[in-house]
C-alpha atoms as a PDB file:
ATOM      1  CA  MET A   1       0.075   0.047   0.244  1.00  0.00           C
ATOM      2  CA  LEU A   2       3.097   2.458   0.651  1.00  0.00           C
ATOM      3  CA  ALA A   3       4.953   1.266  -2.296  1.00  0.00           C
ATOM      4  CA  ASP A   4       1.130   2.174  -4.420  1.00  0.00           C
ATOM      5  CA  ALA A   5       1.094   5.660  -3.012  1.00  0.00           C
ATOM      6  CA  VAL A   6       5.156   6.439  -3.242  1.00  0.00           C
ATOM      7  CA  ALA A   7       4.904   5.177  -7.173  1.00  0.00           C
ATOM      8  CA  ASP A   8       1.158   6.520  -7.494  1.00  0.00           C
ATOM      9  CA  LEU A   9       0.141   3.555  -9.156  1.00  0.00           C
ATOM     10  CA  LYS A  10      -3.462   3.619  -7.877  1.00  0.00           C
ATOM     11  CA  MET A  11      -3.894   0.338  -7.503  1.00  0.00           C
ATOM     12  CA  THR A  12      -7.240  -1.322  -6.069  1.00  0.00           C
ATOM     13  CA  LYS A  13      -7.155  -3.665  -3.047  1.00  0.00           C
ATOM     14  CA  ASP A  14      -8.009  -6.208  -4.922  1.00  0.00           C
ATOM     15  CA  ARG A  15      -5.227  -5.654  -7.300  1.00  0.00           C
ATOM     16  CA  MET A  16      -2.441  -5.266  -3.965  1.00  0.00           C
ATOM     17  CA  MET A  17      -3.878  -8.951  -3.010  1.00  0.00           C
ATOM     18  CA  GLU A  18      -3.291 -10.578  -6.318  1.00  0.00           C
ATOM     19  CA  PHE A  19       0.596  -9.375  -5.918  1.00  0.00           C
ATOM     20  CA  CYS A  20       0.772  -9.788  -2.266  1.00  0.00           C
ATOM     21  CA  LEU A  21       0.158 -13.636  -3.167  1.00  0.00           C
ATOM     22  CA  VAL A  22       3.136 -13.654  -5.022  1.00  0.00           C
ATOM     23  CA  GLU A  23       5.025 -13.563  -1.746  1.00  0.00           C
ATOM     24  CA  GLU A  24       2.382 -15.264   0.702  1.00  0.00           C
ATOM     25  CA  ASN A  25       0.448 -18.215  -1.049  1.00  0.00           C
ATOM     26  CA  HIS A  26      -2.772 -17.864   0.697  1.00  0.00           C
ATOM     27  CA  PRO A  27      -4.881 -14.909   1.366  1.00  0.00           C
ATOM     28  CA  ASP A  28      -6.346 -15.466   5.152  1.00  0.00           C
ATOM     29  CA  ASN A  29      -3.955 -12.866   6.645  1.00  0.00           C
ATOM     30  CA  ILE A  30      -3.767 -10.478   3.707  1.00  0.00           C
ATOM     31  CA  GLY A  31      -7.577 -10.334   3.261  1.00  0.00           C
ATOM     32  CA  ALA A  32      -8.102  -9.643   6.721  1.00  0.00           C
ATOM     33  CA  SER A  33      -5.548  -6.772   6.781  1.00  0.00           C
ATOM     34  CA  LEU A  34      -6.658  -5.067   3.778  1.00  0.00           C
ATOM     35  CA  TYR A  35     -10.437  -5.450   3.829  1.00  0.00           C
ATOM     36  CA  GLY A  36     -11.088  -5.811   7.245  1.00  0.00           C
ATOM     37  CA  GLY A  37     -14.177  -6.774   9.428  1.00  0.00           C
ATOM     38  CA  PHE A  38     -15.077 -10.487   9.687  1.00  0.00           C
ATOM     39  CA  ILE A  39     -13.664 -12.086   6.406  1.00  0.00           C
ATOM     40  CA  GLY A  40     -13.780 -15.240   5.056  1.00  0.00           C
ATOM     41  CA  SER A  41     -11.445 -16.249   1.698  1.00  0.00           C
ATOM     42  CA  PHE A  42     -10.055 -18.801  -0.452  1.00  0.00           C
ATOM     43  CA  LEU A  43      -7.815 -19.366  -3.423  1.00  0.00           C
ATOM     44  CA  GLU A  44      -8.585 -19.751  -6.860  1.00  0.00           C
ATOM     45  CA  MET A  45      -5.509 -21.138  -8.857  1.00  0.00           C
ATOM     46  CA  ILE A  46      -5.236 -19.520 -12.209  1.00  0.00           C
ATOM     47  CA  ASP A  47      -5.308 -21.755 -15.466  1.00  0.00           C
ATOM     48  CA  SER A  48      -2.681 -19.651 -17.042  1.00  0.00           C
ATOM     49  CA  THR A  49      -3.973 -20.327 -20.897  1.00  0.00           C
ATOM     50  CA  ASN A  50      -7.077 -18.497 -20.328  1.00  0.00           C
ATOM     51  CA  THR A  51      -8.017 -14.764 -20.799  1.00  0.00           C
ATOM     52  CA  ALA A  52      -9.039 -14.457 -16.906  1.00  0.00           C
ATOM     53  CA  ALA A  53      -5.102 -14.976 -16.560  1.00  0.00           C
ATOM     54  CA  SER A  54      -4.289 -12.515 -18.724  1.00  0.00           C
ATOM     55  CA  GLU A  55      -6.539 -10.035 -17.893  1.00  0.00           C
ATOM     56  CA  LEU A  56      -4.866 -10.775 -14.018  1.00  0.00           C
ATOM     57  CA  ASN A  57      -1.807  -9.850 -14.730  1.00  0.00           C
ATOM     58  CA  GLY A  58      -2.558  -6.999 -17.084  1.00  0.00           C
ATOM     59  CA  GLN A  59      -1.262  -8.160 -20.375  1.00  0.00           C
ATOM     60  CA  ALA A  60      -2.523  -9.346 -23.718  1.00  0.00           C
ATOM     61  CA  GLU A  61      -3.777 -12.858 -23.803  1.00  0.00           C
ATOM     62  CA  SER A  62      -1.317 -13.791 -26.588  1.00  0.00           C
ATOM     63  CA  THR A  63       1.754 -12.498 -23.898  1.00  0.00           C
ATOM     64  CA  ASN A  64       1.831 -15.790 -21.500  1.00  0.00           C
ATOM     65  CA  LYS A  65       3.630 -14.220 -18.371  1.00  0.00           C
ATOM     66  CA  THR A  66       2.238 -16.563 -15.666  1.00  0.00           C
ATOM     67  CA  SER A  67       4.946 -18.608 -15.572  1.00  0.00           C
ATOM     68  CA  ASP A  68       6.707 -15.413 -14.399  1.00  0.00           C
ATOM     69  CA  ALA A  69       7.176 -15.366 -10.422  1.00  0.00           C
ATOM     70  CA  ARG A  70       6.717 -11.831 -10.365  1.00  0.00           C
ATOM     71  CA  TYR A  71       2.855 -12.443 -11.845  1.00  0.00           C
ATOM     72  CA  PRO A  72       0.186 -14.032  -9.473  1.00  0.00           C
ATOM     73  CA  LYS A  73      -0.586 -17.278  -9.819  1.00  0.00           C
ATOM     74  CA  ALA A  74      -3.662 -17.016  -8.123  1.00  0.00           C
ATOM     75  CA  ARG A  75      -6.443 -14.932  -7.057  1.00  0.00           C
ATOM     76  CA  ALA A  76      -8.309 -14.528  -3.571  1.00  0.00           C
ATOM     77  CA  ARG A  77     -12.239 -15.108  -3.470  1.00  0.00           C
ATOM     78  CA  TYR A  78     -13.531 -13.139  -0.207  1.00  0.00           C
ATOM     79  CA  PHE A  79     -16.719 -12.746   1.676  1.00  0.00           C
ATOM     80  CA  GLN A  80     -17.132 -10.277   4.275  1.00  0.00           C
ATOM     81  CA  TYR A  81     -19.910 -11.536   6.807  1.00  0.00           C
ATOM     82  CA  PRO A  82     -21.836  -9.664   9.442  1.00  0.00           C
ATOM     83  CA  TRP A  83     -20.198  -9.576  12.767  1.00  0.00           C
ATOM     84  CA  SER A  84     -22.635  -8.485  16.102  1.00  0.00           C
ATOM     85  CA  PRO A  85     -21.628  -5.290  17.467  1.00  0.00           C
ATOM     86  CA  ALA A  86     -22.451  -6.671  20.832  1.00  0.00           C
ATOM     87  CA  ILE A  87     -19.313  -9.434  20.366  1.00  0.00           C
ATOM     88  CA  LYS A  88     -15.748  -8.099  21.537  1.00  0.00           C
ATOM     89  CA  VAL A  89     -12.892 -10.144  21.433  1.00  0.00           C
ATOM     90  CA  ILE A  90     -10.414 -10.554  24.424  1.00  0.00           C
ATOM     91  CA  THR A  91      -7.094 -10.925  23.465  1.00  0.00           C
ATOM     92  CA  ILE A  92      -4.651 -12.725  26.212  1.00  0.00           C
ATOM     93  CA  ILE A  93      -0.746 -11.963  25.052  1.00  0.00           C
ATOM     94  CA  PRO A  94       1.663 -14.157  27.314  1.00  0.00           C
ATOM     95  CA  ALA A  95       4.938 -12.488  27.281  1.00  0.00           C
ATOM     96  CA  TYR A  96       6.602 -15.943  25.144  1.00  0.00           C
ATOM     97  CA  GLU A  97       6.799 -16.936  22.151  1.00  0.00           C
ATOM     98  CA  VAL A  98       5.880 -20.292  20.093  1.00  0.00           C
ATOM     99  CA  LYS A  99       7.620 -20.712  16.851  1.00  0.00           C
ATOM    100  CA  THR A 100       5.137 -21.345  14.049  1.00  0.00           C
ATOM    101  CA  ASP A 101       7.614 -23.789  12.543  1.00  0.00           C
ATOM    102  CA  SER A 102       7.209 -26.040  16.148  1.00  0.00           C
ATOM    103  CA  ALA A 103       3.402 -25.431  15.864  1.00  0.00           C
ATOM    104  CA  ARG A 104       3.067 -27.012  12.634  1.00  0.00           C
ATOM    105  CA  ALA A 105       5.172 -29.514  13.617  1.00  0.00           C
ATOM    106  CA  VAL A 106       2.883 -30.949  16.142  1.00  0.00           C
ATOM    107  CA  LEU A 107       0.303 -31.453  13.901  1.00  0.00           C
ATOM    108  CA  PRO A 108      -0.569 -34.957  12.088  1.00  0.00           C
ATOM    109  CA  ALA A 109       0.108 -35.197   8.525  1.00  0.00           C
ATOM    110  CA  GLN A 110      -3.535 -36.838   7.836  1.00  0.00           C
ATOM    111  CA  TYR A 111      -6.565 -36.555   9.719  1.00  0.00           C
ATOM    112  CA  ASP A 112      -9.373 -38.908  10.315  1.00  0.00           C
ATOM    113  CA  LYS A 113     -12.618 -37.802   8.027  1.00  0.00           C
ATOM    114  CA  ALA A 114     -14.855 -37.323  10.860  1.00  0.00           C
ATOM    115  CA  GLU A 115     -12.687 -35.027  12.776  1.00  0.00           C
ATOM    116  CA  VAL A 116     -12.587 -32.814   9.881  1.00  0.00           C
ATOM    117  CA  VAL A 117     -16.232 -33.442   9.326  1.00  0.00           C
ATOM    118  CA  PHE A 118     -16.422 -32.046  13.110  1.00  0.00           C
ATOM    119  CA  ASN A 119     -14.654 -28.963  12.581  1.00  0.00           C
ATOM    120  CA  LEU A 120     -16.614 -27.874   9.026  1.00  0.00           C
ATOM    121  CA  GLN A 121     -20.006 -28.575  10.472  1.00  0.00           C
ATOM    122  CA  ARG A 122     -19.130 -25.956  13.456  1.00  0.00           C
ATOM    123  CA  VAL A 123     -17.413 -23.492  11.225  1.00  0.00           C
ATOM    124  CA  ALA A 124     -20.591 -23.422   8.863  1.00  0.00           C
ATOM    125  CA  VAL A 125     -22.899 -22.538  12.020  1.00  0.00           C
ATOM    126  CA  LEU A 126     -20.034 -20.130  13.674  1.00  0.00           C
ATOM    127  CA  THR A 127     -19.849 -17.724  10.920  1.00  0.00           C
ATOM    128  CA  HIS A 128     -23.581 -17.138  10.576  1.00  0.00           C
ATOM    129  CA  LEU A 129     -24.109 -17.302  14.622  1.00  0.00           C
ATOM    130  CA  LEU A 130     -21.440 -14.327  15.165  1.00  0.00           C
ATOM    131  CA  GLY A 131     -23.199 -12.055  13.004  1.00  0.00           C
ATOM    132  CA  GLN A 132     -26.771 -12.191  15.066  1.00  0.00           C
ATOM    133  CA  PRO A 133     -27.618  -9.106  16.868  1.00  0.00           C
ATOM    134  CA  THR A 134     -27.938 -11.260  20.375  1.00  0.00           C
ATOM    135  CA  PRO A 135     -25.310 -13.957  20.326  1.00  0.00           C
ATOM    136  CA  ASN A 136     -26.647 -17.115  21.813  1.00  0.00           C
ATOM    137  CA  PRO A 137     -23.411 -18.103  24.099  1.00  0.00           C
ATOM    138  CA  THR A 138     -24.386 -21.988  24.149  1.00  0.00           C
ATOM    139  CA  MET A 139     -24.806 -22.398  20.282  1.00  0.00           C
ATOM    140  CA  ILE A 140     -20.987 -19.900  20.093  1.00  0.00           C
ATOM    141  CA  TYR A 141     -19.593 -22.292  22.481  1.00  0.00           C
ATOM    142  CA  LYS A 142     -20.251 -25.237  21.124  1.00  0.00           C
ATOM    143  CA  ALA A 143     -19.515 -24.447  17.366  1.00  0.00           C
ATOM    144  CA  MET A 144     -15.893 -22.874  18.866  1.00  0.00           C
ATOM    145  CA  GLN A 145     -15.259 -26.478  19.577  1.00  0.00           C
ATOM    146  CA  ASP A 146     -12.219 -27.985  17.651  1.00  0.00           C
ATOM    147  CA  ARG A 147     -10.580 -31.142  16.900  1.00  0.00           C
ATOM    148  CA  LEU A 148      -7.526 -30.034  14.092  1.00  0.00           C
ATOM    149  CA  HIS A 149      -5.240 -28.341  15.905  1.00  0.00           C
ATOM    150  CA  GLN A 150      -5.762 -27.046  19.571  1.00  0.00           C
ATOM    151  CA  GLN A 151      -5.461 -30.257  21.758  1.00  0.00           C
ATOM    152  CA  GLN A 152      -2.322 -31.182  19.445  1.00  0.00           C
ATOM    153  CA  ARG A 153      -0.480 -27.981  20.651  1.00  0.00           C
ATOM    154  CA  THR A 154      -1.241 -28.012  24.674  1.00  0.00           C
ATOM    155  CA  ASP A 155       2.078 -28.861  25.488  1.00  0.00           C
ATOM    156  CA  LEU A 156       3.322 -25.335  23.804  1.00  0.00           C
ATOM    157  CA  VAL A 157       0.630 -23.257  24.966  1.00  0.00           C
ATOM    158  CA  HIS A 158       0.505 -22.889  29.001  1.00  0.00           C
ATOM    159  CA  GLY A 159      -2.887 -23.550  30.344  1.00  0.00           C
ATOM    160  CA  LEU A 160      -4.294 -24.133  27.042  1.00  0.00           C
ATOM    161  CA  GLU A 161      -6.035 -27.099  28.050  1.00  0.00           C
ATOM    162  CA  LYS A 162      -7.875 -25.939  31.140  1.00  0.00           C
ATOM    163  CA  LEU A 163      -8.509 -22.481  29.056  1.00  0.00           C
ATOM    164  CA  LEU A 164     -10.416 -24.812  26.786  1.00  0.00           C
ATOM    165  CA  GLN A 165     -13.016 -26.194  29.746  1.00  0.00           C
ATOM    166  CA  LEU A 166     -13.813 -22.601  30.511  1.00  0.00           C
ATOM    167  CA  THR A 167     -17.415 -21.994  29.478  1.00  0.00           C
ATOM    168  CA  PRO A 168     -20.064 -19.476  29.547  1.00  0.00           C
ATOM    169  CA  ASP A 169     -21.686 -20.698  32.681  1.00  0.00           C
ATOM    170  CA  SER A 170     -18.561 -20.874  34.746  1.00  0.00           C
ATOM    171  CA  LEU A 171     -17.814 -17.162  33.186  1.00  0.00           C
ATOM    172  CA  PRO A 172     -21.008 -15.152  32.579  1.00  0.00           C
ATOM    173  CA  GLY A 173     -20.216 -13.175  29.562  1.00  0.00           C
ATOM    174  CA  LEU A 174     -18.477 -15.485  27.440  1.00  0.00           C
ATOM    175  CA  LEU A 175     -19.184 -16.828  24.284  1.00  0.00           C
ATOM    176  CA  GLY A 176     -16.122 -19.138  23.777  1.00  0.00           C
ATOM    177  CA  ILE A 177     -12.291 -19.177  23.876  1.00  0.00           C
ATOM    178  CA  CYS A 178      -9.587 -20.515  21.253  1.00  0.00           C
ATOM    179  CA  LEU A 179      -5.941 -20.335  20.332  1.00  0.00           C
ATOM    180  CA  SER A 180      -5.056 -17.160  18.005  1.00  0.00           C
ATOM    181  CA  GLY A 181      -3.234 -18.775  15.213  1.00  0.00           C
ATOM    182  CA  ALA A 182      -0.620 -20.925  15.969  1.00  0.00           C
ATOM    183  CA  GLY A 183      -0.590 -19.174  19.522  1.00  0.00           C
ATOM    184  CA  PRO A 184       0.429 -18.458  22.072  1.00  0.00           C
ATOM    185  CA  SER A 185      -2.067 -15.580  22.464  1.00  0.00           C
ATOM    186  CA  ILE A 186      -5.503 -16.606  23.238  1.00  0.00           C
ATOM    187  CA  LEU A 187      -8.905 -14.933  22.013  1.00  0.00           C
ATOM    188  CA  ALA A 188     -11.636 -15.052  24.039  1.00  0.00           C
ATOM    189  CA  LEU A 189     -15.096 -14.059  22.860  1.00  0.00           C
ATOM    190  CA  ALA A 190     -17.514 -12.041  25.352  1.00  0.00           C
ATOM    191  CA  THR A 191     -20.573  -9.638  25.463  1.00  0.00           C
ATOM    192  CA  ASN A 192     -19.485  -8.241  29.037  1.00  0.00           C
ATOM    193  CA  ASN A 193     -17.425  -9.032  32.051  1.00  0.00           C
ATOM    194  CA  PHE A 194     -14.278  -8.413  30.039  1.00  0.00           C
ATOM    195  CA  GLU A 195     -12.135  -7.710  32.734  1.00  0.00           C
ATOM    196  CA  GLN A 196     -13.340 -10.918  34.793  1.00  0.00           C
ATOM    197  CA  ILE A 197     -12.669 -13.094  31.778  1.00  0.00           C
ATOM    198  CA  SER A 198      -9.430 -11.759  31.147  1.00  0.00           C
ATOM    199  CA  GLU A 199      -8.434 -11.895  35.032  1.00  0.00           C
ATOM    200  CA  ALA A 200      -9.616 -15.713  34.747  1.00  0.00           C
ATOM    201  CA  ILE A 201      -7.529 -16.406  31.460  1.00  0.00           C
ATOM    202  CA  ILE A 202      -4.574 -15.052  32.576  1.00  0.00           C
ATOM    203  CA  SER A 203      -4.531 -16.451  36.420  1.00  0.00           C
ATOM    204  CA  VAL A 204      -4.948 -20.027  34.241  1.00  0.00           C
ATOM    205  CA  ILE A 205      -1.891 -19.319  32.204  1.00  0.00           C
ATOM    206  CA  GLN A 206       0.165 -17.578  35.230  1.00  0.00           C
ATOM    207  CA  HIS A 207      -0.636 -21.139  37.053  1.00  0.00           C
ATOM    208  CA  SER A 208       0.321 -23.109  34.268  1.00  0.00           C
ATOM    209  CA  SER A 209       3.440 -22.244  34.050  1.00  0.00           C
ATOM    210  CA  PRO A 210       6.888 -23.282  35.202  1.00  0.00           C
ATOM    211  CA  ASN A 211       8.270 -19.900  35.602  1.00  0.00           C
ATOM    212  CA  PRO A 212       6.729 -16.345  36.170  1.00  0.00           C
ATOM    213  CA  ILE A 213       4.901 -15.207  33.118  1.00  0.00           C
ATOM    214  CA  HIS A 214       3.340 -11.515  32.002  1.00  0.00           C
ATOM    215  CA  CYS A 215       0.169 -10.814  30.022  1.00  0.00           C
ATOM    216  CA  ASP A 216      -1.372  -8.254  28.595  1.00  0.00           C
ATOM    217  CA  TRP A 217      -4.984  -7.921  27.506  1.00  0.00           C
ATOM    218  CA  ARG A 218      -6.757  -5.772  24.925  1.00  0.00           C
ATOM    219  CA  LEU A 219     -10.438  -5.370  24.224  1.00  0.00           C
ATOM    220  CA  LEU A 220     -10.574  -5.345  20.531  1.00  0.00           C
ATOM    221  CA  GLY A 221     -13.476  -5.672  17.579  1.00  0.00           C
ATOM    222  CA  PRO A 222     -12.940  -6.086  13.739  1.00  0.00           C
ATOM    223  CA  ALA A 223     -11.198  -3.402  11.777  1.00  0.00           C
ATOM    224  CA  GLU A 224     -13.818  -2.271   9.494  1.00  0.00           C
ATOM    225  CA  GLY A 225     -12.394  -0.667   6.513  1.00  0.00           C
ATOM    226  CA  GLY A 226      -9.056  -2.672   6.640  1.00  0.00           C
ATOM    227  CA  ALA A 227      -5.556  -1.012   6.018  1.00  0.00           C
ATOM    228  CA  LEU A 228      -5.784   2.837   5.462  1.00  0.00           C
ATOM    229  CA  LEU A 229      -2.983   5.237   3.908  1.00  0.00           C
ATOM    230  CA  GLU A 230      -3.183   8.370   5.685  1.00  0.00           C
ATOM    231  CA  HIS A 231      -1.321  11.513   4.035  1.00  0.00           C
ATOM    232  CA  HIS A 232       0.024  14.016   6.558  1.00  0.00           C
ATOM    233  CA  PRO A 233       1.659  17.214   4.947  1.00  0.00           C
ATOM    234  CA  ALA A 234       5.683  17.836   5.771  1.00  0.00           C
END
């Protein structure tokens, strides 16, 4: 975005996304950063022989440069879901790191079909639930259950196993808890009692760590509008 402004390229965010995909081969983080809000996305690979690929790369169809690493090989398709204004995101940030490579290494190379179906069913419902004006704590909590990565990472993230057992019944205002990406940050969706919920989560993390550990917490919401570039006079 900064390069676009400096070079006065006047690229749209969709065009920026295409070139970002040259460096990062999935749209998840790029889409959230560029467009903001509650966003879902997937990758559509480009057939270098068709017109769409030529149009995407800004060239005549007869000039095939899609094999060139400088040009996009895929386009992102994305959708912005509605997000309930009643739902806030408590982000707990422990003062230690989990290497992404380590977090990926503990995941199995293959999954049982039933485990994948379990997650797909819940994420399909969860995306709808999070946009409802009046959140349903029981349904959201159950729809946030996971069998693909969180249990596998409990040895890497202090207190994760106990945190996943916290419920809306034990912490009023809580909707659900999950690992943020590969960790170690924790996300808790909630409608109220934010400080009480954050203190409870931090307490579990600190009591589960063999060494003293500092944790920060933030109360966040979706960044509507995504990335912005502000111009300030010199």
